Amino acid sequence: MSIQGMDALMAEAGEKAAQVDTMAAETMEAAAPVGDFTAGALNRVVAILNEIMPLFGEESGEYPLFEGDVEALPGEFVTSLSMIATAATDADMADILSLEDLQVADDKDLMLLAGKLKTLSESRDFSQFLKQEAPSSPEPTAVAIEDPLAAAGPAPEVDDELLMERL
């Protein structure tokens, strides 16, 4: 395969990955809790979320504060909360926070969620679990791609007489 062909495949793979990311974001957006949420209650959750995210090695910066009340939680916000809830479950801490706890409908539910997130943020067991589970990011390595036809060697020459005998 030529380098141009490989470049085209890589570009196509990148496009497919972007499509999958977009579809995942749209799905998370559609499944986001709907209710009456004030900026104050949301920002309490954001403050604790921003304390926890560095434990995951997230260097994307802090989640921005909400400037106004909302009726549906943003997909990216729900994704971050889901990641934390999944990690809590994996750490055998689902009694503190699970995906079911993310089904919020009002400020009261957000305050309960903020308390659960705060408990996790202060938990040594949770931070230790995340340190153990953190995958090391290996350096990308070049992979040699062999042409299977070249590995088979040259094509055997066919003797015309042999062919004629078989006919």
C-alpha atoms as a PDB file:
ATOM      1  CA  MET A   1       0.000   0.000   0.000  1.00  0.00           C
ATOM      2  CA  SER A   2       1.369   3.378  -0.923  1.00  0.00           C
ATOM      3  CA  ILE A   3       1.919   6.166   1.542  1.00  0.00           C
ATOM      4  CA  GLN A   4      -0.825   8.162  -0.157  1.00  0.00           C
ATOM      5  CA  GLY A   5      -3.199   5.240   0.343  1.00  0.00           C
ATOM      6  CA  MET A   6      -2.252   5.019   4.006  1.00  0.00           C
ATOM      7  CA  ASP A   7      -2.724   8.771   4.402  1.00  0.00           C
ATOM      8  CA  ALA A   8      -6.175   8.469   2.865  1.00  0.00           C
ATOM      9  CA  LEU A   9      -7.054   5.620   5.240  1.00  0.00           C
ATOM     10  CA  MET A  10      -5.808   7.627   8.218  1.00  0.00           C
ATOM     11  CA  ALA A  11      -7.860  10.640   7.131  1.00  0.00           C
ATOM     12  CA  GLU A  12     -10.937   8.453   6.710  1.00  0.00           C
ATOM     13  CA  ALA A  13     -10.377   6.903  10.153  1.00  0.00           C
ATOM     14  CA  GLY A  14     -10.091  10.385  11.641  1.00  0.00           C
ATOM     15  CA  GLU A  15     -13.350  11.422  10.008  1.00  0.00           C
ATOM     16  CA  LYS A  16     -15.099   8.287  11.294  1.00  0.00           C
ATOM     17  CA  ALA A  17     -13.773   8.925  14.804  1.00  0.00           C
ATOM     18  CA  ALA A  18     -15.063  12.506  14.660  1.00  0.00           C
ATOM     19  CA  GLN A  19     -18.474  11.212  13.556  1.00  0.00           C
ATOM     20  CA  VAL A  20     -18.551   8.762  16.460  1.00  0.00           C
ATOM     21  CA  ASP A  21     -17.604  11.541  18.894  1.00  0.00           C
ATOM     22  CA  THR A  22     -20.367  13.747  17.504  1.00  0.00           C
ATOM     23  CA  MET A  23     -22.915  10.952  17.769  1.00  0.00           C
ATOM     24  CA  ALA A  24     -21.842  10.220  21.352  1.00  0.00           C
ATOM     25  CA  ALA A  25     -22.178  13.889  22.280  1.00  0.00           C
ATOM     26  CA  GLU A  26     -25.623  14.060  20.675  1.00  0.00           C
ATOM     27  CA  THR A  27     -26.694  10.918  22.533  1.00  0.00           C
ATOM     28  CA  MET A  28     -25.457  12.307  25.840  1.00  0.00           C
ATOM     29  CA  GLU A  29     -27.225  15.595  25.090  1.00  0.00           C
ATOM     30  CA  ALA A  30     -30.494  13.766  24.381  1.00  0.00           C
ATOM     31  CA  ALA A  31     -30.206  11.697  27.569  1.00  0.00           C
ATOM     32  CA  ALA A  32     -29.289  14.687  29.730  1.00  0.00           C
ATOM     33  CA  PRO A  33     -31.500  15.300  32.752  1.00  0.00           C
ATOM     34  CA  VAL A  34     -34.183  17.919  32.299  1.00  0.00           C
ATOM     35  CA  GLY A  35     -35.563  20.049  35.106  1.00  0.00           C
ATOM     36  CA  ASP A  36     -35.394  23.441  36.763  1.00  0.00           C
ATOM     37  CA  PHE A  37     -31.769  24.138  37.639  1.00  0.00           C
ATOM     38  CA  THR A  38     -30.489  27.441  38.978  1.00  0.00           C
ATOM     39  CA  ALA A  39     -27.023  28.697  38.178  1.00  0.00           C
ATOM     40  CA  GLY A  40     -26.129  28.752  41.883  1.00  0.00           C
ATOM     41  CA  ALA A  41     -26.890  25.065  42.422  1.00  0.00           C
ATOM     42  CA  LEU A  42     -25.198  24.091  39.159  1.00  0.00           C
ATOM     43  CA  ASN A  43     -22.092  26.081  40.039  1.00  0.00           C
ATOM     44  CA  ARG A  44     -21.784  24.263  43.383  1.00  0.00           C
ATOM     45  CA  VAL A  45     -21.592  21.014  41.423  1.00  0.00           C
ATOM     46  CA  VAL A  46     -19.157  22.590  38.914  1.00  0.00           C
ATOM     47  CA  ALA A  47     -16.833  23.704  41.728  1.00  0.00           C
ATOM     48  CA  ILE A  48     -16.551  20.168  43.067  1.00  0.00           C
ATOM     49  CA  LEU A  49     -16.364  18.685  39.572  1.00  0.00           C
ATOM     50  CA  ASN A  50     -13.357  20.930  38.921  1.00  0.00           C
ATOM     51  CA  GLU A  51     -11.729  19.587  42.119  1.00  0.00           C
ATOM     52  CA  ILE A  52     -12.177  15.959  40.999  1.00  0.00           C
ATOM     53  CA  MET A  53     -11.276  16.137  37.309  1.00  0.00           C
ATOM     54  CA  PRO A  54      -7.514  16.575  37.894  1.00  0.00           C
ATOM     55  CA  LEU A  55      -7.576  13.161  39.624  1.00  0.00           C
ATOM     56  CA  PHE A  56      -8.421  11.714  36.200  1.00  0.00           C
ATOM     57  CA  GLY A  57      -5.450  13.420  34.627  1.00  0.00           C
ATOM     58  CA  GLU A  58      -7.730  15.773  32.762  1.00  0.00           C
ATOM     59  CA  GLU A  59      -5.761  18.795  31.636  1.00  0.00           C
ATOM     60  CA  SER A  60      -8.505  20.310  29.544  1.00  0.00           C
ATOM     61  CA  GLY A  61      -9.028  23.059  32.076  1.00  0.00           C
ATOM     62  CA  GLU A  62     -11.892  23.745  34.387  1.00  0.00           C
ATOM     63  CA  TYR A  63     -15.501  23.296  33.447  1.00  0.00           C
ATOM     64  CA  PRO A  64     -16.933  26.803  33.042  1.00  0.00           C
ATOM     65  CA  LEU A  65     -19.426  28.203  35.520  1.00  0.00           C
ATOM     66  CA  PHE A  66     -23.038  28.548  34.473  1.00  0.00           C
ATOM     67  CA  GLU A  67     -24.132  32.125  33.876  1.00  0.00           C
ATOM     68  CA  GLY A  68     -27.852  31.481  34.081  1.00  0.00           C
ATOM     69  CA  ASP A  69     -30.519  28.969  34.930  1.00  0.00           C
ATOM     70  CA  VAL A  70     -30.933  25.984  32.610  1.00  0.00           C
ATOM     71  CA  GLU A  71     -33.610  23.405  31.949  1.00  0.00           C
ATOM     72  CA  ALA A  72     -31.370  20.657  30.541  1.00  0.00           C
ATOM     73  CA  LEU A  73     -27.846  19.781  31.607  1.00  0.00           C
ATOM     74  CA  PRO A  74     -25.222  20.156  28.853  1.00  0.00           C
ATOM     75  CA  GLY A  75     -23.892  16.912  27.362  1.00  0.00           C
ATOM     76  CA  GLU A  76     -20.256  17.627  28.236  1.00  0.00           C
ATOM     77  CA  PHE A  77     -21.263  18.274  31.852  1.00  0.00           C
ATOM     78  CA  VAL A  78     -23.202  14.995  32.006  1.00  0.00           C
ATOM     79  CA  THR A  79     -20.284  13.150  30.379  1.00  0.00           C
ATOM     80  CA  SER A  80     -17.890  14.385  33.063  1.00  0.00           C
ATOM     81  CA  LEU A  81     -20.311  13.450  35.842  1.00  0.00           C
ATOM     82  CA  SER A  82     -20.869  10.030  34.256  1.00  0.00           C
ATOM     83  CA  MET A  83     -17.139   9.411  34.128  1.00  0.00           C
ATOM     84  CA  ILE A  84     -16.862  10.129  37.844  1.00  0.00           C
ATOM     85  CA  ALA A  85     -19.881   7.964  38.702  1.00  0.00           C
ATOM     86  CA  THR A  86     -18.508   5.073  36.636  1.00  0.00           C
ATOM     87  CA  ALA A  87     -15.134   5.371  38.362  1.00  0.00           C
ATOM     88  CA  ALA A  88     -16.863   5.377  41.756  1.00  0.00           C
ATOM     89  CA  THR A  89     -18.701   2.192  40.813  1.00  0.00           C
ATOM     90  CA  ASP A  90     -15.463   0.606  39.592  1.00  0.00           C
ATOM     91  CA  ALA A  91     -13.842   1.570  42.901  1.00  0.00           C
ATOM     92  CA  ASP A  92     -16.638  -0.218  44.806  1.00  0.00           C
ATOM     93  CA  MET A  93     -17.972   3.141  45.960  1.00  0.00           C
ATOM     94  CA  ALA A  94     -21.359   3.010  44.217  1.00  0.00           C
ATOM     95  CA  ASP A  95     -22.959   3.510  47.633  1.00  0.00           C
ATOM     96  CA  ILE A  96     -21.502   7.023  47.524  1.00  0.00           C
ATOM     97  CA  LEU A  97     -22.118   7.834  43.841  1.00  0.00           C
ATOM     98  CA  SER A  98     -23.588   5.847  40.956  1.00  0.00           C
ATOM     99  CA  LEU A  99     -25.035   6.643  37.561  1.00  0.00           C
ATOM    100  CA  GLU A 100     -28.536   6.622  39.081  1.00  0.00           C
ATOM    101  CA  ASP A 101     -27.531   9.593  41.236  1.00  0.00           C
ATOM    102  CA  LEU A 102     -27.102  11.641  38.062  1.00  0.00           C
ATOM    103  CA  GLN A 103     -30.836  11.556  37.373  1.00  0.00           C
ATOM    104  CA  VAL A 104     -31.512  14.997  38.787  1.00  0.00           C
ATOM    105  CA  ALA A 105     -34.613  17.128  38.324  1.00  0.00           C
ATOM    106  CA  ASP A 106     -34.172  20.162  40.548  1.00  0.00           C
ATOM    107  CA  ASP A 107     -31.812  22.098  42.794  1.00  0.00           C
ATOM    108  CA  LYS A 108     -32.439  19.756  45.717  1.00  0.00           C
ATOM    109  CA  ASP A 109     -31.147  16.841  43.640  1.00  0.00           C
ATOM    110  CA  LEU A 110     -28.156  18.932  42.561  1.00  0.00           C
ATOM    111  CA  MET A 111     -27.312  19.711  46.185  1.00  0.00           C
ATOM    112  CA  LEU A 112     -27.406  15.980  47.033  1.00  0.00           C
ATOM    113  CA  LEU A 113     -25.182  15.304  44.019  1.00  0.00           C
ATOM    114  CA  ALA A 114     -22.760  18.019  45.117  1.00  0.00           C
ATOM    115  CA  GLY A 115     -22.510  16.406  48.558  1.00  0.00           C
ATOM    116  CA  LYS A 116     -21.782  12.994  47.048  1.00  0.00           C
ATOM    117  CA  LEU A 117     -19.159  14.473  44.745  1.00  0.00           C
ATOM    118  CA  LYS A 118     -17.574  16.259  47.710  1.00  0.00           C
ATOM    119  CA  THR A 119     -17.400  12.971  49.619  1.00  0.00           C
ATOM    120  CA  LEU A 120     -15.603  11.384  46.676  1.00  0.00           C
ATOM    121  CA  SER A 121     -13.244  14.326  46.277  1.00  0.00           C
ATOM    122  CA  GLU A 122     -12.168  13.912  49.909  1.00  0.00           C
ATOM    123  CA  SER A 123     -11.874  10.123  49.756  1.00  0.00           C
ATOM    124  CA  ARG A 124      -8.326   8.784  49.887  1.00  0.00           C
ATOM    125  CA  ASP A 125      -9.573   5.420  48.652  1.00  0.00           C
ATOM    126  CA  PHE A 126     -11.073   7.028  45.556  1.00  0.00           C
ATOM    127  CA  SER A 127      -7.954   9.034  44.714  1.00  0.00           C
ATOM    128  CA  GLN A 128      -5.762   5.950  45.289  1.00  0.00           C
ATOM    129  CA  PHE A 129      -8.010   3.918  43.001  1.00  0.00           C
ATOM    130  CA  LEU A 130      -7.707   6.525  40.259  1.00  0.00           C
ATOM    131  CA  LYS A 131      -3.921   6.621  40.618  1.00  0.00           C
ATOM    132  CA  GLN A 132      -3.752   2.842  40.259  1.00  0.00           C
ATOM    133  CA  GLU A 133      -6.164   2.759  37.329  1.00  0.00           C
ATOM    134  CA  ALA A 134      -4.544   5.606  35.415  1.00  0.00           C
ATOM    135  CA  PRO A 135      -3.243   4.090  32.196  1.00  0.00           C
ATOM    136  CA  SER A 136       0.215   5.141  31.220  1.00  0.00           C
ATOM    137  CA  SER A 137       0.133   6.703  27.815  1.00  0.00           C
ATOM    138  CA  PRO A 138       2.700   4.838  25.764  1.00  0.00           C
ATOM    139  CA  GLU A 139       4.642   6.608  23.115  1.00  0.00           C
ATOM    140  CA  PRO A 140       3.255   5.954  19.676  1.00  0.00           C
ATOM    141  CA  THR A 141       5.415   3.515  17.777  1.00  0.00           C
ATOM    142  CA  ALA A 142       5.762   2.939  14.096  1.00  0.00           C
ATOM    143  CA  VAL A 143       4.331  -0.332  12.928  1.00  0.00           C
ATOM    144  CA  ALA A 144       5.821  -1.980   9.884  1.00  0.00           C
ATOM    145  CA  ILE A 145       3.163  -3.153   7.502  1.00  0.00           C
ATOM    146  CA  GLU A 146       4.310  -6.009   5.341  1.00  0.00           C
ATOM    147  CA  ASP A 147       2.925  -6.680   1.916  1.00  0.00           C
ATOM    148  CA  PRO A 148       1.626 -10.272   2.066  1.00  0.00           C
ATOM    149  CA  LEU A 149       2.350 -10.781  -1.626  1.00  0.00           C
ATOM    150  CA  ALA A 150       5.957  -9.700  -1.241  1.00  0.00           C
ATOM    151  CA  ALA A 151       6.397 -12.058   1.725  1.00  0.00           C
ATOM    152  CA  ALA A 152       5.241 -15.015  -0.392  1.00  0.00           C
ATOM    153  CA  GLY A 153       8.157 -14.543  -2.751  1.00  0.00           C
ATOM    154  CA  PRO A 154       8.115 -14.425  -6.497  1.00  0.00           C
ATOM    155  CA  ALA A 155       5.267 -16.124  -8.301  1.00  0.00           C
ATOM    156  CA  PRO A 156       6.280 -19.559  -9.546  1.00  0.00           C
ATOM    157  CA  GLU A 157       6.671 -19.784 -13.265  1.00  0.00           C
ATOM    158  CA  VAL A 158       4.150 -22.010 -14.896  1.00  0.00           C
ATOM    159  CA  ASP A 159       5.399 -24.463 -17.416  1.00  0.00           C
ATOM    160  CA  ASP A 160       3.241 -24.520 -20.540  1.00  0.00           C
ATOM    161  CA  GLU A 161       3.663 -28.275 -20.872  1.00  0.00           C
ATOM    162  CA  LEU A 162       2.434 -28.827 -17.319  1.00  0.00           C
ATOM    163  CA  LEU A 163      -0.639 -26.786 -18.044  1.00  0.00           C
ATOM    164  CA  MET A 164      -1.345 -28.663 -21.228  1.00  0.00           C
ATOM    165  CA  GLU A 165      -1.047 -32.006 -19.398  1.00  0.00           C
ATOM    166  CA  ARG A 166      -3.666 -30.971 -16.910  1.00  0.00           C
ATOM    167  CA  LEU A 167      -6.099 -29.929 -19.581  1.00  0.00           C
END
